[in-house]
Amino acid sequence: MQTLVDKRVLITGAASGIGKALAARFADERAALVLVDVNEPLLAQTAAELAQRGARVRTHVLDVTDVSRITGLAEAVHGESGPIDVLVNNAGLVFGGAFLDVPLAMTYAFLPDLIAGRDGHVVNLASASSFIGLPFGATYASSKWAVLGFSESLALELELQGHRQVHVTAICPSYVATGLFDGAKAPRTTRLLTAERVAALTVRAVLRNKPVVRTPWLANMTPFMKGVMPQRLFYRMAAVLGVNTSMLQWRGRR
C-alpha cells in the first residue's frame, strides 16, 4: 500500500490505548476512519478529539465478542461510507489471566471489501508472546500464537487465491504502557512501549506491506534465539532476562 490518503480504515478497540493511537496515526496519513469500540462515551470523546484535528471519523458502538452483531456492523459501515480498505483487528481484553479477541469473525465480515478493492490490508495486533511461552499468562500467550498463525495462514491463502493486492501484517509488541498490563514488568534491557510507538510502526508496516513487526529489539531477536538454542537453555536465558516472571505482579486495568 503506497498511500493511505482517502483510504477507509476500520479500527476495533479504537477508544483508547493502542487503538486510539492508531486512529491518530492513520488520521495523520489522511485516511478516513471508522472507529469501533464497546465504550460509547470514550469512543465519542476520541472521535471528537480527532475531528478537532481535522480527521474524518465515523463511529460504531460494538462489543466485538458479540459475533452475532458483526454482520450488522458490516452492513452499517457499507451503508454509510461504502467498503473499507484497511481492517485493524486491535480490540482485546485481558482479565483474570485470560485473553479474548475475535480477529476471525471481523476479518471474515470485511475481507470481501479488501478482495474487491485494488489495495487492501489486514492488521492483526498479536504480541511478542506469539512465539514464546508466558508463565502466568498462558491463555493470553496461546491466543496470540493463534493470531500470528491466523495472520500467516491468511496471507498465504490470499496469495494462492491470486489476491496479491491484499496484504496482512501481524504486530508483535512486548508490553505496552496502556493500563491493560498494569503491574507487568518489561524484560531486562527493555522498557515498556508506548501506544504511539506501536502505532507508528504499524502504519509504517502497512505502507511497506510488511508481514510482521516485532518490537523492541529483544522481541525481534526471540524467534532466532529460540530457533538456534536448545529449549531448556533458551528458557533459562528468558528467566535471567525476567521474561518468565514478567506477569507475576500483573493486575491489569482497574
Protein backbone atom coordinates (compact mmCIF):
# COMPACT_ATOMS: atom_id res chain seq x y z
CA MET A 1 0.00 0.00 0.00
CA GLN A 2 1.76 3.14 -1.21
CA THR A 3 -0.59 5.69 0.31
CA LEU A 4 -3.30 5.91 2.95
CA VAL A 5 -4.82 9.11 1.60
CA ASP A 6 -8.60 8.68 1.41
CA LYS A 7 -8.34 5.01 2.36
CA ARG A 8 -11.13 3.85 4.67
CA VAL A 9 -9.60 2.33 7.81
CA LEU A 10 -11.69 0.39 10.33
CA ILE A 11 -10.12 0.03 13.77
CA THR A 12 -11.59 -2.06 16.58
CA GLY A 13 -10.92 -1.13 20.19
CA ALA A 14 -10.34 2.41 18.98
CA ALA A 15 -11.48 4.42 22.00
CA SER A 16 -8.26 4.18 24.00
CA GLY A 17 -4.76 2.75 24.20
CA ILE A 18 -3.18 1.38 21.05
CA GLY A 19 -6.44 1.71 19.11
CA LYS A 20 -6.66 5.42 19.80
CA ALA A 21 -3.00 5.93 18.92
CA LEU A 22 -3.54 4.00 15.69
CA ALA A 23 -6.51 6.18 14.82
CA ALA A 24 -4.44 9.33 15.31
CA ARG A 25 -1.58 7.98 13.20
CA PHE A 26 -3.84 6.87 10.35
CA ALA A 27 -5.58 10.27 10.52
CA ASP A 28 -2.18 11.92 10.10
CA GLU A 29 -1.90 9.95 6.84
CA ARG A 30 -5.25 11.49 5.77
CA ALA A 31 -7.18 8.25 5.96
CA ALA A 32 -10.94 8.19 6.65
CA LEU A 33 -11.59 6.49 9.98
CA VAL A 34 -14.26 4.03 11.06
CA LEU A 35 -13.81 3.54 14.79
CA VAL A 36 -15.39 0.67 16.72
CA ASP A 37 -15.43 0.21 20.49
CA VAL A 38 -17.70 -1.07 23.24
CA ASN A 39 -17.18 2.06 25.40
CA GLU A 40 -19.60 4.59 23.91
CA PRO A 41 -18.63 7.69 25.97
CA LEU A 42 -14.92 7.14 25.48
CA LEU A 43 -15.39 6.40 21.79
CA ALA A 44 -17.34 9.65 21.34
CA GLN A 45 -14.60 11.56 23.17
CA THR A 46 -11.87 10.06 20.99
CA ALA A 47 -13.84 10.80 17.82
CA ALA A 48 -14.37 14.41 18.89
CA GLU A 49 -10.66 14.88 19.60
CA LEU A 50 -9.73 13.51 16.20
CA ALA A 51 -12.38 15.56 14.43
CA GLN A 52 -10.98 18.71 16.02
CA ARG A 53 -7.68 17.85 14.35
CA GLY A 54 -9.43 17.64 11.00
CA ALA A 55 -9.86 13.87 10.80
CA ARG A 56 -12.83 12.30 9.06
CA VAL A 57 -14.37 9.99 11.64
CA ARG A 58 -17.38 7.69 11.88
CA THR A 59 -18.06 5.59 14.97
CA HIS A 60 -19.89 2.40 15.84
CA VAL A 61 -20.50 1.08 19.34
CA LEU A 62 -19.99 -2.67 19.37
CA ASP A 63 -18.69 -5.43 21.60
CA VAL A 64 -16.55 -7.39 19.14
CA THR A 65 -17.01 -10.55 21.20
CA ASP A 66 -20.69 -10.50 20.18
CA VAL A 67 -20.14 -12.26 16.87
CA SER A 68 -23.85 -12.10 16.01
CA ARG A 69 -23.61 -8.32 15.62
CA ILE A 70 -20.58 -8.19 13.34
CA THR A 71 -22.60 -8.80 10.17
CA GLY A 72 -24.83 -5.90 11.17
CA LEU A 73 -21.75 -3.74 11.66
CA ALA A 74 -20.55 -4.56 8.15
CA GLU A 75 -23.93 -3.62 6.71
CA ALA A 76 -23.97 -0.35 8.63
CA VAL A 77 -20.43 0.57 7.54
CA HIS A 78 -21.23 -0.21 3.91
CA GLY A 79 -24.45 1.77 4.09
CA GLU A 80 -22.84 4.95 5.34
CA SER A 81 -19.45 5.02 3.62
CA GLY A 82 -19.01 2.01 1.37
CA PRO A 83 -16.35 -0.73 1.58
CA ILE A 84 -13.22 -0.41 3.69
CA ASP A 85 -9.60 -0.63 2.55
CA VAL A 86 -7.81 -1.45 5.80
CA LEU A 87 -9.03 -3.58 8.72
CA VAL A 88 -7.20 -3.28 12.04
CA ASN A 89 -8.10 -6.06 14.50
CA ASN A 90 -6.96 -4.36 17.68
CA ALA A 91 -9.72 -4.92 20.25
CA GLY A 92 -8.94 -7.28 23.08
CA LEU A 93 -9.41 -7.83 26.78
CA VAL A 94 -7.17 -9.27 29.45
CA PHE A 95 -8.97 -10.35 32.59
CA GLY A 96 -8.39 -12.97 35.23
CA GLY A 97 -5.34 -14.16 33.36
CA ALA A 98 -7.34 -14.91 30.21
CA PHE A 99 -7.40 -13.12 26.89
CA LEU A 100 -10.23 -12.83 24.40
CA ASP A 101 -10.26 -11.34 20.92
CA VAL A 102 -12.03 -12.17 17.66
CA PRO A 103 -9.95 -11.44 14.57
CA LEU A 104 -11.66 -14.28 12.70
CA ALA A 105 -15.22 -13.00 12.71
CA MET A 106 -14.32 -9.39 11.99
CA THR A 107 -11.94 -10.43 9.20
CA TYR A 108 -14.47 -12.73 7.57
CA ALA A 109 -17.06 -9.94 7.59
CA PHE A 110 -14.82 -7.37 5.89
CA LEU A 111 -12.38 -9.45 3.85
CA PRO A 112 -14.65 -9.30 0.75
CA ASP A 113 -14.20 -5.50 0.77
CA LEU A 114 -10.44 -5.86 0.60
CA ILE A 115 -10.52 -8.55 -2.08
CA ALA A 116 -12.85 -6.47 -4.24
CA GLY A 117 -10.61 -3.42 -3.98
CA ARG A 118 -7.31 -2.58 -5.62
CA ASP A 119 -5.21 -2.30 -2.47
CA GLY A 120 -6.31 -3.82 0.83
CA HIS A 121 -4.69 -4.59 4.15
CA VAL A 122 -5.47 -6.57 7.31
CA VAL A 123 -3.64 -5.68 10.52
CA ASN A 124 -3.80 -8.11 13.44
CA LEU A 125 -2.49 -7.00 16.84
CA ALA A 126 -0.60 -10.01 18.12
CA SER A 127 2.17 -9.90 20.72
CA ALA A 128 5.77 -10.75 21.48
CA SER A 129 4.24 -13.70 23.33
CA SER A 130 3.09 -15.04 19.93
CA PHE A 131 6.33 -17.04 19.74
CA ILE A 132 7.32 -17.65 23.37
CA GLY A 133 5.73 -19.26 26.41
CA LEU A 134 4.46 -16.80 29.03
CA PRO A 135 4.08 -18.15 32.59
CA PHE A 136 1.06 -16.68 34.41
CA GLY A 137 -0.28 -15.57 31.05
CA ALA A 138 -0.76 -18.93 29.34
CA THR A 139 -4.20 -18.22 27.90
CA TYR A 140 -3.12 -14.82 26.64
CA ALA A 141 0.02 -16.21 25.01
CA SER A 142 -1.77 -19.13 23.39
CA SER A 143 -4.39 -16.83 21.89
CA LYS A 144 -1.64 -14.65 20.45
CA TRP A 145 0.10 -17.67 18.97
CA ALA A 146 -3.25 -18.25 17.25
CA VAL A 147 -3.41 -14.66 15.98
CA LEU A 148 0.06 -14.97 14.46
CA GLY A 149 -0.79 -18.32 12.89
CA PHE A 150 -4.03 -16.90 11.53
CA SER A 151 -2.17 -13.93 10.04
CA GLU A 152 0.45 -16.04 8.30
CA SER A 153 -2.10 -18.55 7.04
CA LEU A 154 -4.43 -15.86 5.74
CA ALA A 155 -1.58 -14.14 3.89
CA LEU A 156 -0.57 -17.39 2.19
CA GLU A 157 -4.17 -18.23 1.35
CA LEU A 158 -4.76 -14.85 -0.26
CA GLU A 159 -1.61 -15.26 -2.34
CA LEU A 160 -2.60 -18.75 -3.50
CA GLN A 161 -6.02 -17.46 -4.49
CA GLY A 162 -4.44 -14.70 -6.58
CA HIS A 163 -5.47 -11.83 -4.29
CA ARG A 164 -1.99 -10.32 -4.21
CA GLN A 165 -3.41 -6.83 -3.71
CA VAL A 166 -4.43 -7.74 -0.14
CA HIS A 167 -1.64 -7.83 2.44
CA VAL A 168 -1.60 -8.99 6.05
CA THR A 169 0.53 -7.61 8.88
CA ALA A 170 0.91 -9.08 12.37
CA ILE A 171 2.08 -6.61 15.01
CA CYS A 172 4.03 -8.30 17.83
CA PRO A 173 5.00 -5.82 20.55
CA SER A 174 6.19 -6.53 24.03
CA TYR A 175 4.30 -4.93 26.92
CA VAL A 176 2.68 -1.59 26.08
CA ALA A 177 2.05 1.05 28.74
CA THR A 178 -1.69 1.44 28.18
CA GLY A 179 -3.07 0.20 31.51
CA LEU A 180 -4.04 -3.16 30.10
CA PHE A 181 -0.86 -4.64 31.53
CA ASP A 182 -0.50 -2.61 34.71
CA GLY A 183 1.89 -4.40 37.01
CA ALA A 184 3.61 -6.40 34.29
CA LYS A 185 7.35 -5.80 34.03
CA ALA A 186 9.27 -5.31 30.83
CA PRO A 187 12.14 -7.81 30.43
CA ARG A 188 15.59 -6.60 31.40
CA THR A 189 17.37 -4.46 28.77
CA THR A 190 13.97 -3.24 27.50
CA ARG A 191 11.27 -0.87 28.68
CA LEU A 192 7.51 -0.59 28.33
CA LEU A 193 6.49 0.53 24.86
CA THR A 194 4.20 3.48 24.23
CA ALA A 195 0.99 3.14 22.25
CA GLU A 196 2.25 5.89 19.95
CA ARG A 197 5.40 3.91 19.14
CA VAL A 198 3.38 0.81 18.28
CA ALA A 199 1.00 2.89 16.15
CA ALA A 200 3.86 4.48 14.23
CA LEU A 201 5.43 1.10 13.49
CA THR A 202 2.04 -0.28 12.43
CA VAL A 203 1.30 2.45 9.90
CA ARG A 204 4.85 2.20 8.53
CA ALA A 205 4.38 -1.55 8.11
CA VAL A 206 1.09 -1.06 6.25
CA LEU A 207 2.70 1.40 3.85
CA ARG A 208 5.55 -1.07 3.23
CA ASN A 209 3.35 -4.20 3.12
CA LYS A 210 5.49 -5.70 5.85
CA PRO A 211 4.20 -9.09 7.05
CA VAL A 212 5.30 -8.89 10.68
CA VAL A 213 6.57 -6.29 13.14
CA ARG A 214 8.41 -7.38 16.29
CA THR A 215 9.43 -4.76 18.83
CA PRO A 216 11.56 -3.97 20.82
CA TRP A 217 14.89 -5.50 19.82
CA LEU A 218 14.58 -8.43 22.23
CA ALA A 219 11.23 -9.44 20.74
CA ASN A 220 12.72 -9.12 17.28
CA MET A 221 15.59 -11.46 18.19
CA THR A 222 13.49 -14.01 20.08
CA PRO A 223 12.44 -16.27 17.14
CA PHE A 224 16.08 -16.55 16.02
CA MET A 225 17.40 -17.29 19.51
CA LYS A 226 14.64 -19.80 20.13
CA GLY A 227 15.42 -21.48 16.82
CA VAL A 228 19.15 -21.97 17.41
CA MET A 229 19.22 -22.68 21.16
CA PRO A 230 18.10 -25.84 22.98
CA GLN A 231 14.71 -25.19 24.55
CA ARG A 232 15.89 -25.65 28.15
CA LEU A 233 18.79 -23.23 27.61
CA PHE A 234 16.54 -20.71 25.85
CA TYR A 235 14.08 -20.56 28.74
CA ARG A 236 16.93 -20.32 31.27
CA MET A 237 18.06 -17.24 29.40
CA ALA A 238 14.47 -15.96 29.38
CA ALA A 239 14.37 -16.42 33.14
CA VAL A 240 17.58 -14.41 33.59
CA LEU A 241 16.08 -11.61 31.49
CA GLY A 242 12.93 -11.61 33.61
CA VAL A 243 10.63 -12.82 30.84
CA ASN A 244 9.32 -15.83 32.77
CA THR A 245 8.30 -13.72 35.76
CA SER A 246 7.15 -10.60 33.88
CA MET A 247 3.46 -11.32 34.60
CA LEU A 248 3.84 -12.19 38.29
CA GLN A 249 2.59 -8.81 39.50
CA TRP A 250 0.18 -8.13 36.66
CA ARG A 251 -3.07 -6.57 37.85
CA GLY A 252 -4.46 -5.16 34.60
CA ARG A 253 -6.64 -2.14 34.04
CA ARG A 254 -8.87 -1.39 37.00
